[in-house]
Amino acid sequence: MKTAKQVVKQVGASGQISLGKEFAGRTVVIDSSEPGVWVIKTAQTIPDSELWLHQPEAAARLDRAMAAIDQPPLAADLEALEEHLRML
């Protein structure tokens, strides 16, 4: 188990606090369970247009597609394909 590291920081006149250069540009989530108590966690955000990729059905389809990449290609039956296309 990791030991918690405690650091004392001063909140500036503008209400800002610096977490350090190692967090520059990172997104964080700030949880406030009670007044004066903050838990800050680094986070990654997902654009709204990509949320569908994280739904179980889409994730399963993507997993199947990725697994198919490792499969050798099958020989095509061009005569059967031509017959099928004629029927359309």
N, C-alpha and C. Protein backbone atom coordinates (compact mmCIF):
# COMPACT_ATOMS: atom_id res chain seq x y z
N MET A 1 0.84 -1.16 0.00
CA MET A 1 0.00 0.00 0.00
C MET A 1 0.89 1.24 0.00
N LYS A 2 0.52 2.22 -0.83
CA LYS A 2 1.30 3.45 -0.91
C LYS A 2 1.01 4.34 0.29
N THR A 3 2.03 5.04 0.73
CA THR A 3 1.86 6.02 1.79
C THR A 3 1.46 7.34 1.16
N ALA A 4 0.45 7.98 1.73
CA ALA A 4 -0.02 9.26 1.20
C ALA A 4 1.05 10.32 1.39
N LYS A 5 1.24 11.14 0.39
CA LYS A 5 2.20 12.25 0.45
C LYS A 5 1.40 13.52 0.71
N GLN A 6 1.73 14.22 1.75
CA GLN A 6 1.02 15.44 2.09
C GLN A 6 1.87 16.65 1.73
N VAL A 7 1.26 17.60 1.04
CA VAL A 7 1.94 18.82 0.63
C VAL A 7 1.08 20.00 1.06
N VAL A 8 1.71 21.04 1.56
CA VAL A 8 0.99 22.25 1.95
C VAL A 8 1.12 23.27 0.83
N LYS A 9 -0.01 23.80 0.37
CA LYS A 9 -0.05 24.81 -0.70
C LYS A 9 -0.85 26.00 -0.22
N GLN A 10 -0.57 27.14 -0.79
CA GLN A 10 -1.32 28.38 -0.46
C GLN A 10 -2.24 28.69 -1.64
N VAL A 11 -3.52 28.91 -1.37
CA VAL A 11 -4.45 29.33 -2.40
C VAL A 11 -4.21 30.81 -2.65
N GLY A 12 -3.97 31.17 -3.93
CA GLY A 12 -3.67 32.55 -4.27
C GLY A 12 -4.89 33.46 -4.18
N ALA A 13 -4.65 34.74 -4.33
CA ALA A 13 -5.71 35.75 -4.24
C ALA A 13 -6.80 35.53 -5.29
N SER A 14 -6.44 34.92 -6.42
CA SER A 14 -7.43 34.67 -7.48
C SER A 14 -8.17 33.35 -7.26
N GLY A 15 -7.86 32.64 -6.18
CA GLY A 15 -8.54 31.38 -5.89
C GLY A 15 -7.88 30.18 -6.54
N GLN A 16 -6.69 30.34 -7.09
CA GLN A 16 -6.01 29.24 -7.77
C GLN A 16 -4.96 28.60 -6.88
N ILE A 17 -4.68 27.34 -7.18
CA ILE A 17 -3.64 26.60 -6.49
C ILE A 17 -2.83 25.85 -7.55
N SER A 18 -1.53 25.81 -7.39
CA SER A 18 -0.67 25.12 -8.35
C SER A 18 -0.39 23.71 -7.84
N LEU A 19 -0.60 22.73 -8.73
CA LEU A 19 -0.33 21.34 -8.35
C LEU A 19 1.09 20.93 -8.74
N GLY A 20 1.75 21.73 -9.55
CA GLY A 20 3.10 21.40 -9.98
C GLY A 20 3.16 21.16 -11.47
N LYS A 21 4.36 21.33 -12.03
CA LYS A 21 4.53 21.22 -13.48
C LYS A 21 4.20 19.83 -14.01
N GLU A 22 4.35 18.79 -13.19
CA GLU A 22 4.05 17.43 -13.68
C GLU A 22 2.57 17.24 -14.02
N PHE A 23 1.72 18.15 -13.55
CA PHE A 23 0.29 18.07 -13.86
C PHE A 23 -0.14 19.11 -14.88
N ALA A 24 0.80 19.86 -15.42
CA ALA A 24 0.46 20.92 -16.39
C ALA A 24 -0.27 20.32 -17.59
N GLY A 25 -1.40 20.91 -17.94
CA GLY A 25 -2.18 20.47 -19.08
C GLY A 25 -3.07 19.27 -18.83
N ARG A 26 -3.01 18.67 -17.66
CA ARG A 26 -3.82 17.49 -17.35
C ARG A 26 -5.23 17.91 -16.93
N THR A 27 -6.18 17.02 -17.15
CA THR A 27 -7.54 17.21 -16.67
C THR A 27 -7.63 16.56 -15.30
N VAL A 28 -8.31 17.21 -14.38
CA VAL A 28 -8.48 16.64 -13.05
C VAL A 28 -9.96 16.68 -12.66
N VAL A 29 -10.33 15.77 -11.77
CA VAL A 29 -11.65 15.74 -11.16
C VAL A 29 -11.45 16.12 -9.70
N ILE A 30 -12.26 17.05 -9.23
CA ILE A 30 -12.15 17.49 -7.83
C ILE A 30 -13.43 17.08 -7.11
N ASP A 31 -13.29 16.18 -6.14
CA ASP A 31 -14.41 15.74 -5.31
C ASP A 31 -14.37 16.51 -4.00
N SER A 32 -15.52 17.04 -3.60
CA SER A 32 -15.61 17.73 -2.32
C SER A 32 -16.65 17.02 -1.48
N SER A 33 -16.19 16.19 -0.55
CA SER A 33 -17.11 15.40 0.27
C SER A 33 -17.73 16.22 1.40
N GLU A 34 -17.01 17.28 1.79
CA GLU A 34 -17.51 18.19 2.82
C GLU A 34 -16.75 19.50 2.69
N PRO A 35 -17.24 20.58 3.27
CA PRO A 35 -16.56 21.87 3.13
C PRO A 35 -15.10 21.77 3.60
N GLY A 36 -14.19 22.24 2.76
CA GLY A 36 -12.78 22.25 3.11
C GLY A 36 -12.03 20.96 2.82
N VAL A 37 -12.72 19.95 2.31
CA VAL A 37 -12.08 18.66 1.98
C VAL A 37 -12.19 18.43 0.48
N TRP A 38 -11.05 18.31 -0.17
CA TRP A 38 -11.01 18.10 -1.61
C TRP A 38 -10.16 16.87 -1.92
N VAL A 39 -10.63 16.07 -2.83
CA VAL A 39 -9.83 14.96 -3.35
C VAL A 39 -9.67 15.24 -4.83
N ILE A 40 -8.43 15.38 -5.27
CA ILE A 40 -8.13 15.72 -6.66
C ILE A 40 -7.54 14.49 -7.35
N LYS A 41 -8.17 14.09 -8.45
CA LYS A 41 -7.72 12.92 -9.20
C LYS A 41 -7.49 13.30 -10.66
N THR A 42 -6.41 12.80 -11.24
CA THR A 42 -6.21 13.03 -12.67
C THR A 42 -7.26 12.21 -13.42
N ALA A 43 -7.66 12.71 -14.58
CA ALA A 43 -8.73 12.07 -15.34
C ALA A 43 -8.48 12.24 -16.83
N GLN A 44 -9.18 11.44 -17.61
CA GLN A 44 -9.20 11.59 -19.05
C GLN A 44 -10.65 11.77 -19.45
N THR A 45 -10.88 12.66 -20.38
CA THR A 45 -12.25 12.90 -20.83
C THR A 45 -12.47 12.24 -22.18
N ILE A 46 -13.72 11.91 -22.44
CA ILE A 46 -14.11 11.29 -23.70
C ILE A 46 -15.03 12.27 -24.43
N PRO A 47 -14.69 12.65 -25.65
CA PRO A 47 -15.58 13.53 -26.40
C PRO A 47 -16.96 12.89 -26.58
N ASP A 48 -18.00 13.71 -26.56
CA ASP A 48 -19.37 13.20 -26.72
C ASP A 48 -19.52 12.35 -27.97
N SER A 49 -18.85 12.75 -29.04
CA SER A 49 -18.98 12.02 -30.31
C SER A 49 -18.34 10.63 -30.26
N GLU A 50 -17.56 10.34 -29.21
CA GLU A 50 -16.90 9.04 -29.10
C GLU A 50 -17.45 8.19 -27.96
N LEU A 51 -18.45 8.69 -27.25
CA LEU A 51 -19.02 7.94 -26.13
C LEU A 51 -19.57 6.59 -26.56
N TRP A 52 -20.12 6.51 -27.77
CA TRP A 52 -20.72 5.26 -28.24
C TRP A 52 -19.69 4.13 -28.27
N LEU A 53 -18.41 4.46 -28.43
CA LEU A 53 -17.38 3.44 -28.47
C LEU A 53 -17.22 2.72 -27.14
N HIS A 54 -17.68 3.35 -26.07
CA HIS A 54 -17.50 2.79 -24.74
C HIS A 54 -18.76 2.09 -24.23
N GLN A 55 -19.78 1.99 -25.07
CA GLN A 55 -20.98 1.24 -24.72
C GLN A 55 -20.67 -0.25 -24.89
N PRO A 56 -21.22 -1.13 -24.06
CA PRO A 56 -20.89 -2.56 -24.11
C PRO A 56 -21.08 -3.19 -25.50
N GLU A 57 -22.17 -2.86 -26.18
CA GLU A 57 -22.43 -3.47 -27.49
C GLU A 57 -21.36 -3.05 -28.51
N ALA A 58 -21.03 -1.77 -28.54
CA ALA A 58 -20.02 -1.28 -29.48
C ALA A 58 -18.65 -1.83 -29.13
N ALA A 59 -18.34 -1.89 -27.84
CA ALA A 59 -17.05 -2.43 -27.42
C ALA A 59 -16.91 -3.89 -27.83
N ALA A 60 -18.00 -4.67 -27.69
CA ALA A 60 -17.96 -6.08 -28.09
C ALA A 60 -17.76 -6.22 -29.60
N ARG A 61 -18.43 -5.36 -30.39
CA ARG A 61 -18.25 -5.40 -31.85
C ARG A 61 -16.83 -5.05 -32.23
N LEU A 62 -16.26 -4.05 -31.56
CA LEU A 62 -14.87 -3.67 -31.84
C LEU A 62 -13.91 -4.78 -31.46
N ASP A 63 -14.18 -5.46 -30.33
CA ASP A 63 -13.33 -6.58 -29.92
C ASP A 63 -13.36 -7.69 -30.97
N ARG A 64 -14.56 -7.99 -31.50
CA ARG A 64 -14.68 -9.04 -32.55
C ARG A 64 -13.93 -8.62 -33.80
N ALA A 65 -14.03 -7.34 -34.17
CA ALA A 65 -13.34 -6.86 -35.36
C ALA A 65 -11.83 -6.94 -35.18
N MET A 66 -11.35 -6.58 -34.01
CA MET A 66 -9.91 -6.64 -33.76
C MET A 66 -9.41 -8.09 -33.77
N ALA A 67 -10.22 -9.01 -33.25
CA ALA A 67 -9.84 -10.44 -33.25
C ALA A 67 -9.80 -10.96 -34.67
N ALA A 68 -10.67 -10.46 -35.54
CA ALA A 68 -10.71 -10.92 -36.93
C ALA A 68 -9.45 -10.52 -37.70
N ILE A 69 -8.79 -9.47 -37.27
CA ILE A 69 -7.57 -9.03 -37.95
C ILE A 69 -6.51 -10.12 -37.93
N ASP A 70 -6.48 -10.92 -36.86
CA ASP A 70 -5.47 -11.97 -36.70
C ASP A 70 -5.82 -13.25 -37.45
N GLN A 71 -7.01 -13.32 -38.04
CA GLN A 71 -7.43 -14.52 -38.76
C GLN A 71 -6.93 -14.48 -40.20
N PRO A 72 -6.50 -15.64 -40.73
CA PRO A 72 -6.09 -15.65 -42.14
C PRO A 72 -7.30 -15.43 -43.04
N PRO A 73 -7.10 -14.79 -44.19
CA PRO A 73 -8.23 -14.56 -45.09
C PRO A 73 -8.77 -15.87 -45.66
N LEU A 74 -10.06 -15.89 -45.94
CA LEU A 74 -10.70 -17.06 -46.55
C LEU A 74 -10.75 -16.87 -48.06
N ALA A 75 -10.68 -17.97 -48.78
CA ALA A 75 -10.79 -17.90 -50.24
C ALA A 75 -12.22 -17.51 -50.60
N ALA A 76 -12.34 -16.62 -51.57
CA ALA A 76 -13.66 -16.15 -51.99
C ALA A 76 -14.23 -17.09 -53.05
N ASP A 77 -15.52 -17.33 -52.98
CA ASP A 77 -16.23 -18.10 -54.00
C ASP A 77 -16.86 -17.08 -54.95
N LEU A 78 -16.12 -16.70 -55.98
CA LEU A 78 -16.57 -15.64 -56.87
C LEU A 78 -17.80 -16.04 -57.66
N GLU A 79 -17.92 -17.32 -58.00
CA GLU A 79 -19.12 -17.77 -58.73
C GLU A 79 -20.36 -17.60 -57.86
N ALA A 80 -20.28 -17.95 -56.60
CA ALA A 80 -21.42 -17.80 -55.69
C ALA A 80 -21.75 -16.31 -55.51
N LEU A 81 -20.72 -15.46 -55.46
CA LEU A 81 -20.94 -14.02 -55.34
C LEU A 81 -21.64 -13.47 -56.58
N GLU A 82 -21.19 -13.90 -57.76
CA GLU A 82 -21.84 -13.45 -59.00
C GLU A 82 -23.30 -13.88 -59.03
N GLU A 83 -23.57 -15.10 -58.62
CA GLU A 83 -24.94 -15.60 -58.60
C GLU A 83 -25.80 -14.79 -57.62
N HIS A 84 -25.25 -14.51 -56.48
CA HIS A 84 -25.96 -13.73 -55.48
C HIS A 84 -26.26 -12.32 -56.03
N LEU A 85 -25.30 -11.71 -56.69
CA LEU A 85 -25.50 -10.36 -57.22
C LEU A 85 -26.53 -10.35 -58.35
N ARG A 86 -26.60 -11.41 -59.13
CA ARG A 86 -27.63 -11.51 -60.18
C ARG A 86 -29.03 -11.55 -59.59
N MET A 87 -29.15 -12.14 -58.43
CA MET A 87 -30.46 -12.31 -57.78
C MET A 87 -30.98 -10.98 -57.22
N LEU A 88 -30.08 -10.04 -57.01
CA LEU A 88 -30.50 -8.76 -56.40
C LEU A 88 -31.22 -7.92 -57.37
